[in-house]
Protein backbone atom coordinates (compact mmCIF):
# COMPACT_ATOMS: atom_id res chain seq x y z
CA MET A 1 18.35 -42.71 46.09
CA LYS A 2 21.28 -43.99 44.03
CA ASN A 3 19.00 -44.79 41.05
CA ARG A 4 17.64 -41.26 41.12
CA HIS A 5 21.14 -39.81 40.67
CA LYS A 6 21.88 -42.21 37.81
CA THR A 7 18.71 -41.29 35.89
CA PHE A 8 19.18 -37.52 36.27
CA PRO A 9 21.93 -37.29 33.60
CA PHE A 10 19.78 -39.43 31.32
CA GLN A 11 16.70 -37.22 31.84
CA PHE A 12 18.80 -34.09 31.45
CA SER A 13 20.24 -35.34 28.16
CA ILE A 14 16.74 -36.10 26.85
CA VAL A 15 15.50 -32.61 27.77
CA LEU A 16 18.60 -31.01 26.26
CA SER A 17 18.16 -33.06 23.07
CA LEU A 18 14.52 -31.95 22.77
CA ILE A 19 15.53 -28.30 23.17
CA VAL A 20 18.23 -28.64 20.49
CA VAL A 21 15.80 -30.39 18.09
CA ALA A 22 13.17 -27.68 18.70
CA ALA A 23 15.72 -24.94 18.03
CA ILE A 24 16.94 -26.59 14.84
CA THR A 25 13.45 -27.15 13.45
CA ALA A 26 12.39 -23.59 14.38
CA ALA A 27 15.44 -22.01 12.75
CA PRO A 28 14.03 -21.89 9.18
CA ILE A 29 11.10 -19.72 10.32
CA LEU A 30 13.31 -17.23 12.14
CA PRO A 31 14.43 -14.22 10.07
CA GLN A 32 17.78 -14.73 8.41
CA GLY A 33 19.51 -11.35 8.54
CA GLN A 34 21.71 -11.85 5.50
CA ASN A 35 19.30 -13.85 3.35
CA LEU A 36 16.49 -11.41 2.71
CA PRO A 37 14.78 -11.80 -0.66
CA ASP A 38 15.30 -9.03 -3.20
CA GLU A 39 11.62 -8.07 -2.79
CA VAL A 40 12.39 -7.05 0.79
CA HIS A 41 15.90 -5.63 0.20
CA CYS A 42 14.59 -3.19 -2.40
CA LEU A 43 12.46 -1.54 0.32
CA ALA A 44 15.48 -0.40 2.37
CA GLY A 45 15.50 3.28 3.21
CA ILE A 46 12.05 4.15 1.84
CA GLN A 47 10.66 7.16 3.70
CA THR A 48 8.99 9.33 1.07
CA VAL A 49 6.42 7.86 -1.31
CA SER A 50 3.85 8.92 -3.86
CA VAL A 51 0.43 7.26 -3.70
CA ASP A 52 -2.38 6.17 -5.96
CA VAL A 53 -5.52 4.05 -5.85
CA ASP A 54 -6.18 1.52 -8.60
CA GLN A 55 -8.52 -1.34 -9.51
CA VAL A 56 -11.04 -0.88 -6.76
CA VAL A 57 -13.53 -3.75 -6.92
CA GLY A 58 -16.70 -3.43 -4.86
CA ARG A 59 -16.27 0.34 -4.38
CA VAL A 60 -17.27 1.46 -0.89
CA MET A 61 -15.46 4.81 -0.78
CA ASP A 62 -14.73 7.38 -3.45
CA GLU A 63 -11.15 7.53 -4.71
CA LYS A 64 -10.42 10.92 -3.14
CA SER A 65 -11.56 9.77 0.33
CA LEU A 66 -9.61 6.55 -0.07
CA LYS A 67 -6.42 8.48 -0.92
CA VAL A 68 -6.93 10.67 2.17
CA GLN A 69 -7.34 7.52 4.31
CA PHE A 70 -4.26 5.95 2.70
CA ARG A 71 -2.12 9.07 3.29
CA LYS A 72 -3.29 9.22 6.92
CA ALA A 73 -2.32 5.57 7.44
CA LEU A 74 1.07 6.09 5.79
CA LYS A 75 1.80 9.08 8.03
CA ALA A 76 0.88 7.04 11.11
CA SER A 77 3.29 4.33 9.90
CA GLY A 78 6.14 6.84 9.52
CA PHE A 79 6.05 7.56 5.78
CA LEU A 80 5.83 10.94 4.07
CA ALA A 81 3.37 10.98 1.16
CA THR A 82 4.29 13.41 -1.61
CA GLN A 83 3.57 14.13 -5.28
CA GLU A 84 7.32 14.22 -5.97
CA ALA A 85 8.34 12.32 -9.11
CA GLY A 86 11.02 9.68 -8.74
CA THR A 87 9.98 8.49 -5.30
CA PRO A 88 8.80 4.93 -4.76
CA HIS A 89 5.14 4.80 -5.79
CA LEU A 90 2.59 2.95 -3.65
CA VAL A 91 -0.60 1.72 -5.27
CA LEU A 92 -3.50 0.74 -3.02
CA GLN A 93 -5.98 -1.79 -4.31
CA TYR A 94 -8.81 -3.45 -2.50
CA ILE A 95 -11.44 -6.03 -3.33
CA VAL A 96 -14.71 -6.33 -1.46
CA ALA A 97 -16.66 -9.54 -1.97
CA THR A 98 -19.98 -10.72 -0.60
CA ASN A 99 -21.81 -14.03 -0.68
CA GLN A 100 -25.57 -14.20 -0.84
CA ASP A 101 -25.47 -17.35 1.29
CA VAL A 102 -23.98 -15.31 4.17
CA PRO A 103 -26.08 -12.14 4.38
CA GLY A 104 -24.26 -9.11 5.79
CA ALA A 105 -20.78 -10.70 5.63
CA VAL A 106 -18.01 -9.21 3.52
CA SER A 107 -14.51 -10.24 2.56
CA LEU A 108 -11.94 -7.47 2.13
CA THR A 109 -8.62 -8.01 0.38
CA THR A 110 -6.14 -5.14 0.69
CA ILE A 111 -3.12 -4.89 -1.59
CA ILE A 112 -0.33 -2.33 -1.50
CA SER A 113 2.07 -2.58 -4.43
CA VAL A 114 5.44 -0.83 -4.30
CA HIS A 115 6.54 0.44 -7.72
CA GLN A 116 10.14 1.60 -8.28
CA ARG A 117 12.46 2.48 -11.13
CA VAL A 118 14.61 -0.52 -11.98
CA ASP A 119 17.19 -1.32 -14.62
CA LEU A 120 16.10 -4.31 -16.66
CA HIS A 121 19.46 -5.47 -18.01
CA ARG A 122 18.00 -8.08 -20.35
CA MET A 123 16.19 -5.34 -22.28
CA GLY A 124 18.68 -2.56 -21.64
CA LYS A 125 15.92 -0.32 -20.27
CA THR A 126 14.98 1.47 -17.08
CA MET A 127 11.35 0.92 -16.13
CA THR A 128 8.97 1.57 -13.27
CA LEU A 129 7.80 -1.85 -12.08
CA PRO A 130 6.02 -3.32 -9.08
CA VAL A 131 8.82 -4.78 -6.96
CA ALA A 132 6.98 -5.81 -3.80
CA SER A 133 3.42 -6.24 -2.57
CA ILE A 134 1.67 -6.43 0.76
CA ILE A 135 -1.47 -8.56 0.52
CA GLN A 136 -3.88 -9.35 3.31
CA ALA A 137 -7.47 -10.43 3.73
CA ALA A 138 -10.07 -9.86 6.42
CA LEU A 139 -13.68 -10.77 7.09
CA GLY A 140 -16.25 -8.37 8.46
CA THR A 141 -19.78 -7.12 8.12
CA GLU A 142 -21.29 -4.71 5.61
CA GLU A 143 -22.42 -2.59 8.55
CA HIS A 144 -18.81 -2.02 9.69
CA LEU A 145 -17.11 -2.03 6.29
CA GLN A 146 -15.77 1.55 6.53
CA GLU A 147 -14.11 0.81 9.88
CA LEU A 148 -12.74 -2.49 8.57
CA LEU A 149 -11.33 -0.76 5.51
CA ALA A 150 -9.59 1.93 7.59
CA HIS A 151 -8.22 -0.73 9.97
CA GLU A 152 -6.90 -2.92 7.14
CA ILE A 153 -5.25 -0.01 5.32
CA GLN A 154 -3.46 0.86 8.57
CA ARG A 155 -2.46 -2.78 9.15
CA ALA A 156 -1.05 -3.01 5.61
CA THR A 157 0.95 0.24 5.90
CA ASP A 158 2.27 -0.83 9.32
CA ARG A 159 3.34 -4.13 7.78
CA LEU A 160 5.08 -2.28 4.94
CA ALA A 161 6.88 -0.12 7.53
CA ARG A 162 8.11 -3.27 9.32
CA TYR A 163 9.50 -4.65 6.04
CA VAL A 164 11.21 -1.32 5.28
CA ALA A 165 12.76 -1.28 8.77
CA TRP A 166 13.87 -4.91 8.42
CA ALA A 167 15.47 -4.24 5.02
CA SER A 168 17.10 -1.04 6.29
CA ARG A 169 18.72 -2.86 9.23
CA THR A 170 20.09 -5.66 7.07
CA LYS A 171 23.27 -5.25 5.05
CA ARG A 172 23.24 -6.84 1.61
CA SER A 173 25.97 -9.45 1.19
């Protein structure tokens, strides 16, 4: 019995040390509230956006239908899509790829670029430039490509909304 009481502090210190080491090594992957990159900070407060579709590779939907789908996804994510000039401009791009060695399989890459007016001090000019991008990829089948496309557009706009919320909650130091 006496040995058991002597080893308890030793075992406790080992467990405590492992917890501290785990917390320290996990810390770099946890969000740092005050250290957001500029690409995320510039998204703070975005609510109203204009939209466009560009560089569609492997076209599976006409541009008009794609814009309707994009606007629907943005609304579901909490954004208001408008034609108003001067608002942040979102450009949706997607790439559909197939491989003849895998019949019926498709790869879909979805990209949403956020374009905003910025002052480029080096050139002394104000320009509209892409300042942030959401990029994601998914695999699916040709048979369900329309559903996959709608799902991925929604996932990308939801992800953009999370970044906007994160940037909006964080004060710039």
